[in-house]
C-alpha atoms as a PDB file:
ATOM      1  CA  MET A   1     107.145 104.672  85.035  1.00  0.00           C
ATOM      2  CA  GLY A   2     105.888 108.247  84.640  1.00  0.00           C
ATOM      3  CA  GLY A   3     107.220 111.214  86.556  1.00  0.00           C
ATOM      4  CA  SER A   4     110.075 113.528  85.795  1.00  0.00           C
ATOM      5  CA  GLN A   5     113.744 113.101  84.985  1.00  0.00           C
ATOM      6  CA  ARG A   6     115.984 111.198  87.384  1.00  0.00           C
ATOM      7  CA  LEU A   7     117.857 113.276  89.921  1.00  0.00           C
ATOM      8  CA  VAL A   8     120.915 112.291  91.964  1.00  0.00           C
ATOM      9  CA  PHE A   9     121.591 113.312  95.550  1.00  0.00           C
ATOM     10  CA  GLU A  10     124.788 112.421  97.454  1.00  0.00           C
ATOM     11  CA  TYR A  11     125.762 112.876 101.065  1.00  0.00           C
ATOM     12  CA  ARG A  12     129.093 111.723 102.458  1.00  0.00           C
ATOM     13  CA  SER A  13     131.001 112.013 105.694  1.00  0.00           C
ATOM     14  CA  VAL A  14     133.755 110.281 107.633  1.00  0.00           C
ATOM     15  CA  ILE A  15     132.672 108.180 110.601  1.00  0.00           C
ATOM     16  CA  ALA A  16     135.405 107.622 113.225  1.00  0.00           C
ATOM     17  CA  ALA A  17     134.906 103.854 113.398  1.00  0.00           C
ATOM     18  CA  PRO A  18     135.946 100.821 111.366  1.00  0.00           C
ATOM     19  CA  ALA A  19     133.821 100.044 108.300  1.00  0.00           C
ATOM     20  CA  GLU A  20     132.855  96.675 109.827  1.00  0.00           C
ATOM     21  CA  ARG A  21     131.253  98.457 112.794  1.00  0.00           C
ATOM     22  CA  VAL A  22     129.351 100.858 110.521  1.00  0.00           C
ATOM     23  CA  TRP A  23     128.165  97.874 108.436  1.00  0.00           C
ATOM     24  CA  ALA A  24     127.086  96.012 111.590  1.00  0.00           C
ATOM     25  CA  PHE A  25     125.043  99.023 112.724  1.00  0.00           C
ATOM     26  CA  HIS A  26     123.191  99.071 109.390  1.00  0.00           C
ATOM     27  CA  GLN A  27     122.484  95.341 109.780  1.00  0.00           C
ATOM     28  CA  SER A  28     120.802  95.782 113.162  1.00  0.00           C
ATOM     29  CA  PRO A  29     117.007  95.334 113.172  1.00  0.00           C
ATOM     30  CA  ASP A  30     116.554  98.785 114.779  1.00  0.00           C
ATOM     31  CA  ALA A  31     118.705 100.687 112.264  1.00  0.00           C
ATOM     32  CA  LEU A  32     115.796 102.124 110.262  1.00  0.00           C
ATOM     33  CA  ARG A  33     114.086 103.352 113.426  1.00  0.00           C
ATOM     34  CA  HIS A  34     117.311 105.007 114.625  1.00  0.00           C
ATOM     35  CA  LEU A  35     117.937 106.609 111.238  1.00  0.00           C
ATOM     36  CA  THR A  36     114.431 108.023 110.772  1.00  0.00           C
ATOM     37  CA  MET A  37     114.418 111.705 111.642  1.00  0.00           C
ATOM     38  CA  PRO A  38     111.618 113.045 113.831  1.00  0.00           C
ATOM     39  CA  PRO A  39     108.871 114.016 113.264  1.00  0.00           C
ATOM     40  CA  MET A  40     108.848 111.138 110.765  1.00  0.00           C
ATOM     41  CA  ARG A  41     108.340 107.651 112.110  1.00  0.00           C
ATOM     42  CA  THR A  42     108.581 104.207 110.548  1.00  0.00           C
ATOM     43  CA  GLN A  43     106.572 101.113 111.317  1.00  0.00           C
ATOM     44  CA  ILE A  44     107.865  97.802 109.971  1.00  0.00           C
ATOM     45  CA  VAL A  45     105.073  95.813 108.329  1.00  0.00           C
ATOM     46  CA  ARG A  46     107.172  92.965 106.888  1.00  0.00           C
ATOM     47  CA  ASP A  47     110.885  92.218 106.940  1.00  0.00           C
ATOM     48  CA  ASP A  48     111.864  89.428 104.537  1.00  0.00           C
ATOM     49  CA  ARG A  49     115.498  90.510 104.312  1.00  0.00           C
ATOM     50  CA  ARG A  50     118.010  87.725 104.748  1.00  0.00           C
ATOM     51  CA  SER A  51     120.771  90.335 104.881  1.00  0.00           C
ATOM     52  CA  LEU A  52     121.414  93.897 103.786  1.00  0.00           C
ATOM     53  CA  ILE A  53     121.951  92.586 100.251  1.00  0.00           C
ATOM     54  CA  SER A  54     118.987  90.252  99.910  1.00  0.00           C
ATOM     55  CA  GLY A  55     115.238  90.434 100.479  1.00  0.00           C
ATOM     56  CA  GLU A  56     112.492  92.993 100.921  1.00  0.00           C
ATOM     57  CA  LEU A  57     111.443  95.380 103.661  1.00  0.00           C
ATOM     58  CA  GLU A  58     107.912  96.778 103.844  1.00  0.00           C
ATOM     59  CA  PHE A  59     107.215  99.686 106.161  1.00  0.00           C
ATOM     60  CA  LEU A  60     104.894 102.599 106.740  1.00  0.00           C
ATOM     61  CA  LEU A  61     106.486 106.033 106.681  1.00  0.00           C
ATOM     62  CA  ARG A  62     104.464 108.339 108.922  1.00  0.00           C
ATOM     63  CA  LEU A  63     104.560 112.101 109.063  1.00  0.00           C
ATOM     64  CA  GLY A  64     101.737 113.480 111.187  1.00  0.00           C
ATOM     65  CA  PRO A  65      98.460 112.245 109.707  1.00  0.00           C
ATOM     66  CA  LEU A  66     100.195 111.133 106.479  1.00  0.00           C
ATOM     67  CA  SER A  67     101.039 107.436 106.216  1.00  0.00           C
ATOM     68  CA  VAL A  68     102.754 106.019 103.131  1.00  0.00           C
ATOM     69  CA  ARG A  69     103.417 102.352 102.346  1.00  0.00           C
ATOM     70  CA  TRP A  70     106.923 101.650 101.074  1.00  0.00           C
ATOM     71  CA  VAL A  71     108.425  98.360  99.904  1.00  0.00           C
ATOM     72  CA  ALA A  72     112.167  98.300  99.319  1.00  0.00           C
ATOM     73  CA  ALA A  73     114.080  95.458  97.657  1.00  0.00           C
ATOM     74  CA  HIS A  74     117.638  95.052  98.963  1.00  0.00           C
ATOM     75  CA  ALA A  75     120.541  93.968  96.739  1.00  0.00           C
ATOM     76  CA  SER A  76     124.333  94.071  96.544  1.00  0.00           C
ATOM     77  CA  GLY A  77     125.873  97.472  96.018  1.00  0.00           C
ATOM     78  CA  PRO A  78     128.684  98.608  93.721  1.00  0.00           C
ATOM     79  CA  GLU A  79     131.457  97.952  96.274  1.00  0.00           C
ATOM     80  CA  PRO A  80     132.312  95.200  98.777  1.00  0.00           C
ATOM     81  CA  MET A  81     130.803  97.020 101.783  1.00  0.00           C
ATOM     82  CA  SER A  82     127.723  98.429 100.134  1.00  0.00           C
ATOM     83  CA  PHE A  83     124.089  97.674  99.501  1.00  0.00           C
ATOM     84  CA  VAL A  84     121.239  99.153  97.517  1.00  0.00           C
ATOM     85  CA  ASP A  85     117.586  99.492  98.343  1.00  0.00           C
ATOM     86  CA  ARG A  86     115.187 100.087  95.472  1.00  0.00           C
ATOM     87  CA  GLN A  87     111.615 101.213  95.896  1.00  0.00           C
ATOM     88  CA  VAL A  88     109.209  98.538  94.651  1.00  0.00           C
ATOM     89  CA  VAL A  89     106.113 100.268  96.042  1.00  0.00           C
ATOM     90  CA  GLY A  90     106.139 103.844  97.289  1.00  0.00           C
ATOM     91  CA  PRO A  91     105.416 107.491  96.672  1.00  0.00           C
ATOM     92  CA  LEU A  92     108.104 108.244  94.088  1.00  0.00           C
ATOM     93  CA  ALA A  93     108.289 107.310  90.424  1.00  0.00           C
ATOM     94  CA  PHE A  94     111.797 105.932  91.080  1.00  0.00           C
ATOM     95  CA  TRP A  95     114.026 105.581  94.162  1.00  0.00           C
ATOM     96  CA  GLU A  96     117.365 103.798  94.384  1.00  0.00           C
ATOM     97  CA  HIS A  97     119.486 104.329  97.469  1.00  0.00           C
ATOM     98  CA  GLU A  98     123.116 103.170  97.477  1.00  0.00           C
ATOM     99  CA  HIS A  99     124.745 102.828 100.917  1.00  0.00           C
ATOM    100  CA  VAL A 100     128.548 102.659 100.579  1.00  0.00           C
ATOM    101  CA  MET A 101     131.020 102.192 103.444  1.00  0.00           C
ATOM    102  CA  ARG A 102     134.708 102.571 102.533  1.00  0.00           C
ATOM    103  CA  PRO A 103     137.639 102.303 104.924  1.00  0.00           C
ATOM    104  CA  CYS A 104     139.559 105.594 104.881  1.00  0.00           C
ATOM    105  CA  GLU A 105     141.964 107.598 106.992  1.00  0.00           C
ATOM    106  CA  GLY A 106     140.111 108.460 110.169  1.00  0.00           C
ATOM    107  CA  GLY A 107     137.645 105.569 109.948  1.00  0.00           C
ATOM    108  CA  THR A 108     134.954 105.001 107.342  1.00  0.00           C
ATOM    109  CA  GLU A 109     133.691 107.128 104.519  1.00  0.00           C
ATOM    110  CA  LEU A 110     129.915 106.752 104.540  1.00  0.00           C
ATOM    111  CA  LEU A 111     128.316 107.643 101.214  1.00  0.00           C
ATOM    112  CA  ASP A 112     124.586 107.746 100.540  1.00  0.00           C
ATOM    113  CA  ARG A 113     123.753 108.146  96.854  1.00  0.00           C
ATOM    114  CA  ILE A 114     120.106 108.419  95.871  1.00  0.00           C
ATOM    115  CA  THR A 115     118.790 108.383  92.341  1.00  0.00           C
ATOM    116  CA  PHE A 116     115.136 109.364  92.268  1.00  0.00           C
ATOM    117  CA  SER A 117     112.320 110.926  90.302  1.00  0.00           C
ATOM    118  CA  TYR A 118     108.988 112.377  91.290  1.00  0.00           C
ATOM    119  CA  ARG A 119     105.579 111.175  90.202  1.00  0.00           C
ATOM    120  CA  SER A 120     103.537 113.703  88.293  1.00  0.00           C
ATOM    121  CA  GLY A 121     100.228 115.076  89.463  1.00  0.00           C
ATOM    122  CA  LEU A 122      98.821 116.941  92.426  1.00  0.00           C
ATOM    123  CA  ARG A 123      98.372 113.776  94.477  1.00  0.00           C
ATOM    124  CA  TYR A 124     102.169 113.462  94.789  1.00  0.00           C
ATOM    125  CA  ALA A 125     103.049 117.166  95.055  1.00  0.00           C
ATOM    126  CA  TRP A 126     103.992 116.675  98.728  1.00  0.00           C
ATOM    127  CA  THR A 127     106.914 114.423  97.675  1.00  0.00           C
ATOM    128  CA  ARG A 128     108.607 117.440  96.082  1.00  0.00           C
ATOM    129  CA  LEU A 129     108.849 118.952  99.589  1.00  0.00           C
ATOM    130  CA  ILE A 130     109.655 115.845 101.637  1.00  0.00           C
ATOM    131  CA  PHE A 131     112.243 114.633  99.106  1.00  0.00           C
ATOM    132  CA  SER A 132     113.645 118.007  98.028  1.00  0.00           C
ATOM    133  CA  ARG A 133     117.414 118.525  98.084  1.00  0.00           C
ATOM    134  CA  PRO A 134     117.302 120.674 101.266  1.00  0.00           C
ATOM    135  CA  ALA A 135     115.094 118.094 103.002  1.00  0.00           C
ATOM    136  CA  LEU A 136     117.369 115.228 101.912  1.00  0.00           C
ATOM    137  CA  ARG A 137     120.456 117.162 103.061  1.00  0.00           C
ATOM    138  CA  THR A 138     118.875 117.615 106.502  1.00  0.00           C
ATOM    139  CA  LEU A 139     117.748 113.984 106.670  1.00  0.00           C
ATOM    140  CA  PHE A 140     121.147 112.577 105.758  1.00  0.00           C
ATOM    141  CA  ALA A 141     123.036 114.935 108.074  1.00  0.00           C
ATOM    142  CA  TYR A 142     120.794 113.517 110.814  1.00  0.00           C
ATOM    143  CA  ARG A 143     121.350 109.920 109.658  1.00  0.00           C
ATOM    144  CA  HIS A 144     125.136 110.307 109.622  1.00  0.00           C
ATOM    145  CA  TRP A 145     125.030 111.953 113.067  1.00  0.00           C
ATOM    146  CA  ARG A 146     122.946 109.021 114.389  1.00  0.00           C
ATOM    147  CA  THR A 147     125.385 106.561 112.818  1.00  0.00           C
ATOM    148  CA  ARG A 148     128.323 108.325 114.510  1.00  0.00           C
ATOM    149  CA  ARG A 149     126.571 108.098 117.891  1.00  0.00           C
ATOM    150  CA  ALA A 150     125.685 104.433 117.395  1.00  0.00           C
ATOM    151  CA  VAL A 151     129.187 103.221 116.496  1.00  0.00           C
ATOM    152  CA  ARG A 152     131.367 105.221 118.888  1.00  0.00           C
END
């Protein structure tokens, strides 16, 4: 596996919509495109998912001239309205992203929990910037904002 120790990042917020609507948004074929923060872009190469909890998604993550191939396997998450995507191929030594949607007062608690570790070496030094805690905080604030807009 290589790389450094595993780190955990969490971002949570309340979305003023029923959990079923938030789940349905994540199921839409355009969800990844809507949730990708500019100036990053995604290009779907292959989508073999049968649902949010089954199958694989292959995409290119583009940031300026940088293009990175990523394959994510989707599986059931730890709760009824949750799913996990795990990096099979990609720039990090390890990446597991739990997406949890819980009904709560005011709508839905949306929780993103990422367990990850960096690859060692200069070739992957850029991942320590793109996937730093401040960068992840900004990305997930954007993703939750986009989710709010999509389900209102």
